[in-house]
PDB file of N, CA and C in Angstrom:
ATOM      1  N   UNK A   1     -26.735  11.503   3.866  1.00  0.00           N
ATOM      2  CA  UNK A   1     -27.054  11.980   5.198  1.00  0.00           C
ATOM      3  C   UNK A   1     -26.720  10.923   6.242  1.00  0.00           C
ATOM      4  N   UNK A   2     -25.774  10.075   5.938  1.00  0.00           N
ATOM      5  CA  UNK A   2     -25.438   8.994   6.862  1.00  0.00           C
ATOM      6  C   UNK A   2     -24.700   9.490   8.096  1.00  0.00           C
ATOM      7  N   UNK A   3     -24.155  10.681   8.033  1.00  0.00           N
ATOM      8  CA  UNK A   3     -23.490  11.292   9.181  1.00  0.00           C
ATOM      9  C   UNK A   3     -24.182  12.617   9.497  1.00  0.00           C
ATOM     10  N   UNK A   4     -24.433  12.874  10.775  1.00  0.00           N
ATOM     11  CA  UNK A   4     -25.071  14.119  11.181  1.00  0.00           C
ATOM     12  C   UNK A   4     -24.147  15.293  10.886  1.00  0.00           C
ATOM     13  N   UNK A   5     -24.722  16.337  10.281  1.00  0.00           N
ATOM     14  CA  UNK A   5     -23.932  17.501   9.899  1.00  0.00           C
ATOM     15  C   UNK A   5     -24.824  18.733   9.872  1.00  0.00           C
ATOM     16  N   UNK A   6     -24.362  19.807  10.504  1.00  0.00           N
ATOM     17  CA  UNK A   6     -25.137  21.052  10.476  1.00  0.00           C
ATOM     18  C   UNK A   6     -25.274  21.561   9.047  1.00  0.00           C
ATOM     19  N   UNK A   7     -24.232  21.398   8.249  1.00  0.00           N
ATOM     20  CA  UNK A   7     -24.260  21.860   6.864  1.00  0.00           C
ATOM     21  C   UNK A   7     -25.349  21.185   6.050  1.00  0.00           C
ATOM     22  N   UNK A   8     -25.506  19.882   6.248  1.00  0.00           N
ATOM     23  CA  UNK A   8     -26.555  19.157   5.532  1.00  0.00           C
ATOM     24  C   UNK A   8     -27.922  19.656   5.984  1.00  0.00           C
ATOM     25  N   UNK A   9     -28.075  19.896   7.269  1.00  0.00           N
ATOM     26  CA  UNK A   9     -29.339  20.432   7.783  1.00  0.00           C
ATOM     27  C   UNK A   9     -29.669  21.783   7.173  1.00  0.00           C
ATOM     28  N   UNK A  10     -28.667  22.618   7.025  1.00  0.00           N
ATOM     29  CA  UNK A  10     -28.870  23.932   6.406  1.00  0.00           C
ATOM     30  C   UNK A  10     -29.294  23.759   4.946  1.00  0.00           C
ATOM     31  N   UNK A  11     -28.638  22.854   4.229  1.00  0.00           N
ATOM     32  CA  UNK A  11     -28.991  22.619   2.825  1.00  0.00           C
ATOM     33  C   UNK A  11     -30.414  22.083   2.693  1.00  0.00           C
ATOM     34  N   UNK A  12     -30.817  21.203   3.595  1.00  0.00           N
ATOM     35  CA  UNK A  12     -32.187  20.683   3.573  1.00  0.00           C
ATOM     36  C   UNK A  12     -33.172  21.822   3.807  1.00  0.00           C
ATOM     37  N   UNK A  13     -32.889  22.664   4.785  1.00  0.00           N
ATOM     38  CA  UNK A  13     -33.754  23.803   5.075  1.00  0.00           C
ATOM     39  C   UNK A  13     -33.839  24.781   3.914  1.00  0.00           C
ATOM     40  N   UNK A  14     -32.712  25.057   3.288  1.00  0.00           N
ATOM     41  CA  UNK A  14     -32.698  25.980   2.145  1.00  0.00           C
ATOM     42  C   UNK A  14     -33.499  25.412   0.973  1.00  0.00           C
ATOM     43  N   UNK A  15     -33.342  24.123   0.716  1.00  0.00           N
ATOM     44  CA  UNK A  15     -34.079  23.514  -0.396  1.00  0.00           C
ATOM     45  C   UNK A  15     -35.580  23.542  -0.121  1.00  0.00           C
ATOM     46  N   UNK A  16     -35.960  23.407   1.145  1.00  0.00           N
ATOM     47  CA  UNK A  16     -37.373  23.504   1.519  1.00  0.00           C
ATOM     48  C   UNK A  16     -37.887  24.915   1.240  1.00  0.00           C
ATOM     49  N   UNK A  17     -37.131  25.916   1.632  1.00  0.00           N
ATOM     50  CA  UNK A  17     -37.527  27.316   1.410  1.00  0.00           C
ATOM     51  C   UNK A  17     -37.651  27.640  -0.079  1.00  0.00           C
ATOM     52  N   UNK A  18     -36.865  26.957  -0.896  1.00  0.00           N
ATOM     53  CA  UNK A  18     -36.912  27.168  -2.348  1.00  0.00           C
ATOM     54  C   UNK A  18     -37.926  26.247  -3.032  1.00  0.00           C
ATOM     55  N   UNK A  19     -38.685  25.503  -2.210  1.00  0.00           N
ATOM     56  CA  UNK A  19     -39.717  24.588  -2.704  1.00  0.00           C
ATOM     57  C   UNK A  19     -39.148  23.515  -3.639  1.00  0.00           C
ATOM     58  N   UNK A  20     -37.965  23.006  -3.295  1.00  0.00           N
ATOM     59  CA  UNK A  20     -37.330  21.942  -4.067  1.00  0.00           C
ATOM     60  C   UNK A  20     -37.585  20.599  -3.397  1.00  0.00           C
ATOM     61  N   UNK A  21     -37.690  19.546  -4.200  1.00  0.00           N
ATOM     62  CA  UNK A  21     -37.808  18.202  -3.647  1.00  0.00           C
ATOM     63  C   UNK A  21     -36.413  17.707  -3.300  1.00  0.00           C
ATOM     64  N   UNK A  22     -36.336  16.817  -2.321  1.00  0.00           N
ATOM     65  CA  UNK A  22     -35.071  16.284  -1.866  1.00  0.00           C
ATOM     66  C   UNK A  22     -35.084  14.760  -1.907  1.00  0.00           C
ATOM     67  N   UNK A  23     -33.959  14.190  -2.299  1.00  0.00           N
ATOM     68  CA  UNK A  23     -33.728  12.755  -2.171  1.00  0.00           C
ATOM     69  C   UNK A  23     -32.509  12.615  -1.275  1.00  0.00           C
ATOM     70  N   UNK A  24     -32.717  12.023  -0.115  1.00  0.00           N
ATOM     71  CA  UNK A  24     -31.629  11.837   0.841  1.00  0.00           C
ATOM     72  C   UNK A  24     -31.176  10.387   0.790  1.00  0.00           C
ATOM     73  N   UNK A  25     -29.874  10.174   0.704  1.00  0.00           N
ATOM     74  CA  UNK A  25     -29.299   8.834   0.623  1.00  0.00           C
ATOM     75  C   UNK A  25     -28.743   8.454   1.982  1.00  0.00           C
ATOM     76  N   UNK A  26     -29.158   7.284   2.467  1.00  0.00           N
ATOM     77  CA  UNK A  26     -28.806   6.854   3.815  1.00  0.00           C
ATOM     78  C   UNK A  26     -28.301   5.418   3.794  1.00  0.00           C
ATOM     79  N   UNK A  27     -27.081   5.232   4.266  1.00  0.00           N
ATOM     80  CA  UNK A  27     -26.552   3.875   4.368  1.00  0.00           C
ATOM     81  C   UNK A  27     -27.389   3.076   5.355  1.00  0.00           C
ATOM     82  N   UNK A  28     -27.667   1.815   5.003  1.00  0.00           N
ATOM     83  CA  UNK A  28     -28.459   0.952   5.872  1.00  0.00           C
ATOM     84  C   UNK A  28     -27.830   0.879   7.262  1.00  0.00           C
ATOM     85  N   UNK A  29     -28.664   0.985   8.278  1.00  0.00           N
ATOM     86  CA  UNK A  29     -28.190   0.904   9.653  1.00  0.00           C
ATOM     87  C   UNK A  29     -27.815   2.246  10.252  1.00  0.00           C
ATOM     88  N   UNK A  30     -27.782   3.292   9.433  1.00  0.00           N
ATOM     89  CA  UNK A  30     -27.464   4.636   9.927  1.00  0.00           C
ATOM     90  C   UNK A  30     -28.757   5.329  10.337  1.00  0.00           C
ATOM     91  N   UNK A  31     -28.629   6.396  11.104  1.00  0.00           N
ATOM     92  CA  UNK A  31     -29.781   7.139  11.615  1.00  0.00           C
ATOM     93  C   UNK A  31     -29.906   8.469  10.889  1.00  0.00           C
ATOM     94  N   UNK A  32     -31.135   8.833  10.559  1.00  0.00           N
ATOM     95  CA  UNK A  32     -31.387  10.142   9.958  1.00  0.00           C
ATOM     96  C   UNK A  32     -32.186  10.967  10.973  1.00  0.00           C
ATOM     97  N   UNK A  33     -31.919  12.251  11.034  1.00  0.00           N
ATOM     98  CA  UNK A  33     -32.560  13.104  12.032  1.00  0.00           C
ATOM     99  C   UNK A  33     -34.063  13.218  11.792  1.00  0.00           C
ATOM    100  N   UNK A  34     -34.797  13.506  12.857  1.00  0.00           N
ATOM    101  CA  UNK A  34     -36.244  13.731  12.758  1.00  0.00           C
ATOM    102  C   UNK A  34     -36.526  14.926  11.853  1.00  0.00           C
ATOM    103  N   UNK A  35     -35.659  15.926  11.886  1.00  0.00           N
ATOM    104  CA  UNK A  35     -35.796  17.102  11.024  1.00  0.00           C
ATOM    105  C   UNK A  35     -35.852  16.670   9.563  1.00  0.00           C
ATOM    106  N   UNK A  36     -34.905  15.838   9.153  1.00  0.00           N
ATOM    107  CA  UNK A  36     -34.851  15.379   7.764  1.00  0.00           C
ATOM    108  C   UNK A  36     -36.026  14.455   7.448  1.00  0.00           C
ATOM    109  N   UNK A  37     -36.382  13.587   8.382  1.00  0.00           N
ATOM    110  CA  UNK A  37     -37.487  12.654   8.165  1.00  0.00           C
ATOM    111  C   UNK A  37     -38.810  13.377   7.962  1.00  0.00           C
ATOM    112  N   UNK A  38     -39.015  14.455   8.707  1.00  0.00           N
ATOM    113  CA  UNK A  38     -40.298  15.137   8.679  1.00  0.00           C
ATOM    114  C   UNK A  38     -40.427  16.247   7.658  1.00  0.00           C
ATOM    115  N   UNK A  39     -39.393  16.509   6.911  1.00  0.00           N
ATOM    116  CA  UNK A  39     -39.412  17.609   5.946  1.00  0.00           C
ATOM    117  C   UNK A  39     -40.285  17.236   4.745  1.00  0.00           C
ATOM    118  N   UNK A  40     -41.363  18.001   4.490  1.00  0.00           N
ATOM    119  CA  UNK A  40     -42.217  17.708   3.335  1.00  0.00           C
ATOM    120  C   UNK A  40     -41.413  17.752   2.032  1.00  0.00           C
ATOM    121  N   UNK A  41     -41.793  16.883   1.098  1.00  0.00           N
ATOM    122  CA  UNK A  41     -41.111  16.853  -0.195  1.00  0.00           C
ATOM    123  C   UNK A  41     -39.794  16.107  -0.166  1.00  0.00           C
ATOM    124  N   UNK A  42     -39.585  15.310   0.885  1.00  0.00           N
ATOM    125  CA  UNK A  42     -38.324  14.585   1.041  1.00  0.00           C
ATOM    126  C   UNK A  42     -38.547  13.087   0.872  1.00  0.00           C
ATOM    127  N   UNK A  43     -37.707  12.462   0.072  1.00  0.00           N
ATOM    128  CA  UNK A  43     -37.685  11.013  -0.071  1.00  0.00           C
ATOM    129  C   UNK A  43     -36.357  10.528   0.492  1.00  0.00           C
ATOM    130  N   UNK A  44     -36.412   9.535   1.361  1.00  0.00           N
ATOM    131  CA  UNK A  44     -35.194   8.966   1.941  1.00  0.00           C
ATOM    132  C   UNK A  44     -34.992   7.579   1.345  1.00  0.00           C
ATOM    133  N   UNK A  45     -33.827   7.367   0.766  1.00  0.00           N
ATOM    134  CA  UNK A  45     -33.469   6.064   0.212  1.00  0.00           C
ATOM    135  C   UNK A  45     -32.434   5.434   1.133  1.00  0.00           C
ATOM    136  N   UNK A  46     -32.810   4.314   1.726  1.00  0.00           N
ATOM    137  CA  UNK A  46     -31.868   3.560   2.560  1.00  0.00           C
ATOM    138  C   UNK A  46     -31.325   2.416   1.698  1.00  0.00           C
ATOM    139  N   UNK A  47     -29.998   2.303   1.638  1.00  0.00           N
ATOM    140  CA  UNK A  47     -29.389   1.327   0.737  1.00  0.00           C
ATOM    141  C   UNK A  47     -28.321   0.493   1.446  1.00  0.00           C
ATOM    142  N   UNK A  48     -28.100  -0.726   0.883  1.00  0.00           N
ATOM    143  CA  UNK A  48     -27.114  -1.659   1.433  1.00  0.00           C
ATOM    144  C   UNK A  48     -25.751  -1.498   0.774  1.00  0.00           C
ATOM    145  N   UNK A  49     -25.772  -1.326  -0.544  1.00  0.00           N
ATOM    146  CA  UNK A  49     -24.538  -1.227  -1.327  1.00  0.00           C
ATOM    147  C   UNK A  49     -24.826  -0.395  -2.581  1.00  0.00           C
ATOM    148  N   UNK A  50     -23.825  -0.189  -3.399  1.00  0.00           N
ATOM    149  CA  UNK A  50     -23.976   0.666  -4.581  1.00  0.00           C
ATOM    150  C   UNK A  50     -25.019   0.106  -5.549  1.00  0.00           C
ATOM    151  N   UNK A  51     -25.032  -1.196  -5.744  1.00  0.00           N
ATOM    152  CA  UNK A  51     -26.021  -1.805  -6.643  1.00  0.00           C
ATOM    153  C   UNK A  51     -27.435  -1.534  -6.133  1.00  0.00           C
ATOM    154  N   UNK A  52     -27.646  -1.719  -4.847  1.00  0.00           N
ATOM    155  CA  UNK A  52     -28.943  -1.459  -4.221  1.00  0.00           C
ATOM    156  C   UNK A  52     -29.317   0.015  -4.368  1.00  0.00           C
ATOM    157  N   UNK A  53     -28.346   0.902  -4.157  1.00  0.00           N
ATOM    158  CA  UNK A  53     -28.583   2.341  -4.288  1.00  0.00           C
ATOM    159  C   UNK A  53     -29.012   2.693  -5.714  1.00  0.00           C
ATOM    160  N   UNK A  54     -28.308   2.165  -6.706  1.00  0.00           N
ATOM    161  CA  UNK A  54     -28.642   2.464  -8.105  1.00  0.00           C
ATOM    162  C   UNK A  54     -30.069   2.037  -8.435  1.00  0.00           C
ATOM    163  N   UNK A  55     -30.452   0.854  -7.991  1.00  0.00           N
ATOM    164  CA  UNK A  55     -31.796   0.347  -8.255  1.00  0.00           C
ATOM    165  C   UNK A  55     -32.853   1.234  -7.611  1.00  0.00           C
ATOM    166  N   UNK A  56     -32.666   1.543  -6.337  1.00  0.00           N
ATOM    167  CA  UNK A  56     -33.656   2.340  -5.608  1.00  0.00           C
ATOM    168  C   UNK A  56     -33.707   3.781  -6.112  1.00  0.00           C
ATOM    169  N   UNK A  57     -32.555   4.369  -6.398  1.00  0.00           N
ATOM    170  CA  UNK A  57     -32.519   5.745  -6.884  1.00  0.00           C
ATOM    171  C   UNK A  57     -33.185   5.847  -8.254  1.00  0.00           C
ATOM    172  N   UNK A  58     -32.923   4.898  -9.124  1.00  0.00           N
ATOM    173  CA  UNK A  58     -33.547   4.882 -10.448  1.00  0.00           C
ATOM    174  C   UNK A  58     -35.066   4.825 -10.326  1.00  0.00           C
ATOM    175  N   UNK A  59     -35.558   3.996  -9.429  1.00  0.00           N
ATOM    176  CA  UNK A  59     -36.999   3.868  -9.208  1.00  0.00           C
ATOM    177  C   UNK A  59     -37.608   5.183  -8.721  1.00  0.00           C
ATOM    178  N   UNK A  60     -36.953   5.829  -7.772  1.00  0.00           N
ATOM    179  CA  UNK A  60     -37.454   7.100  -7.236  1.00  0.00           C
ATOM    180  C   UNK A  60     -37.432   8.181  -8.312  1.00  0.00           C
ATOM    181  N   UNK A  61     -36.363   8.265  -9.080  1.00  0.00           N
ATOM    182  CA  UNK A  61     -36.272   9.275 -10.141  1.00  0.00           C
ATOM    183  C   UNK A  61     -37.347   9.063 -11.206  1.00  0.00           C
ATOM    184  N   UNK A  62     -37.599   7.807 -11.563  1.00  0.00           N
ATOM    185  CA  UNK A  62     -38.664   7.514 -12.528  1.00  0.00           C
ATOM    186  C   UNK A  62     -40.014   7.969 -11.985  1.00  0.00           C
ATOM    187  N   UNK A  63     -40.262   7.721 -10.716  1.00  0.00           N
ATOM    188  CA  UNK A  63     -41.525   8.118 -10.088  1.00  0.00           C
ATOM    189  C   UNK A  63     -41.670   9.641 -10.063  1.00  0.00           C
ATOM    190  N   UNK A  64     -40.600  10.349  -9.796  1.00  0.00           N
ATOM    191  CA  UNK A  64     -40.655  11.808  -9.716  1.00  0.00           C
ATOM    192  C   UNK A  64     -40.857  12.460 -11.085  1.00  0.00           C
ATOM    193  N   UNK A  65     -40.467  11.776 -12.149  1.00  0.00           N
ATOM    194  CA  UNK A  65     -40.634  12.312 -13.504  1.00  0.00           C
ATOM    195  C   UNK A  65     -42.104  12.398 -13.897  1.00  0.00           C
ATOM    196  N   UNK A  66     -42.928  11.551 -13.287  1.00  0.00           N
ATOM    197  CA  UNK A  66     -44.351  11.471 -13.660  1.00  0.00           C
ATOM    198  C   UNK A  66     -45.150  12.596 -13.074  1.00  0.00           C
TER     199      UNK A  66
END
């Protein structure tokens, strides 16, 4: 979600309607919309590089499994 897109907003809304959890990936220094930030069931991972992303995503996925 590092770039604003109507399509991504629609997908976030649809996943909410289907009661699905969301993990949004955001490059460090980029802005995420208030819509995405405030959506219940959403986790936003802000990352610096691929290594950082892998570490943070793995942690979030492990937490969601519980």
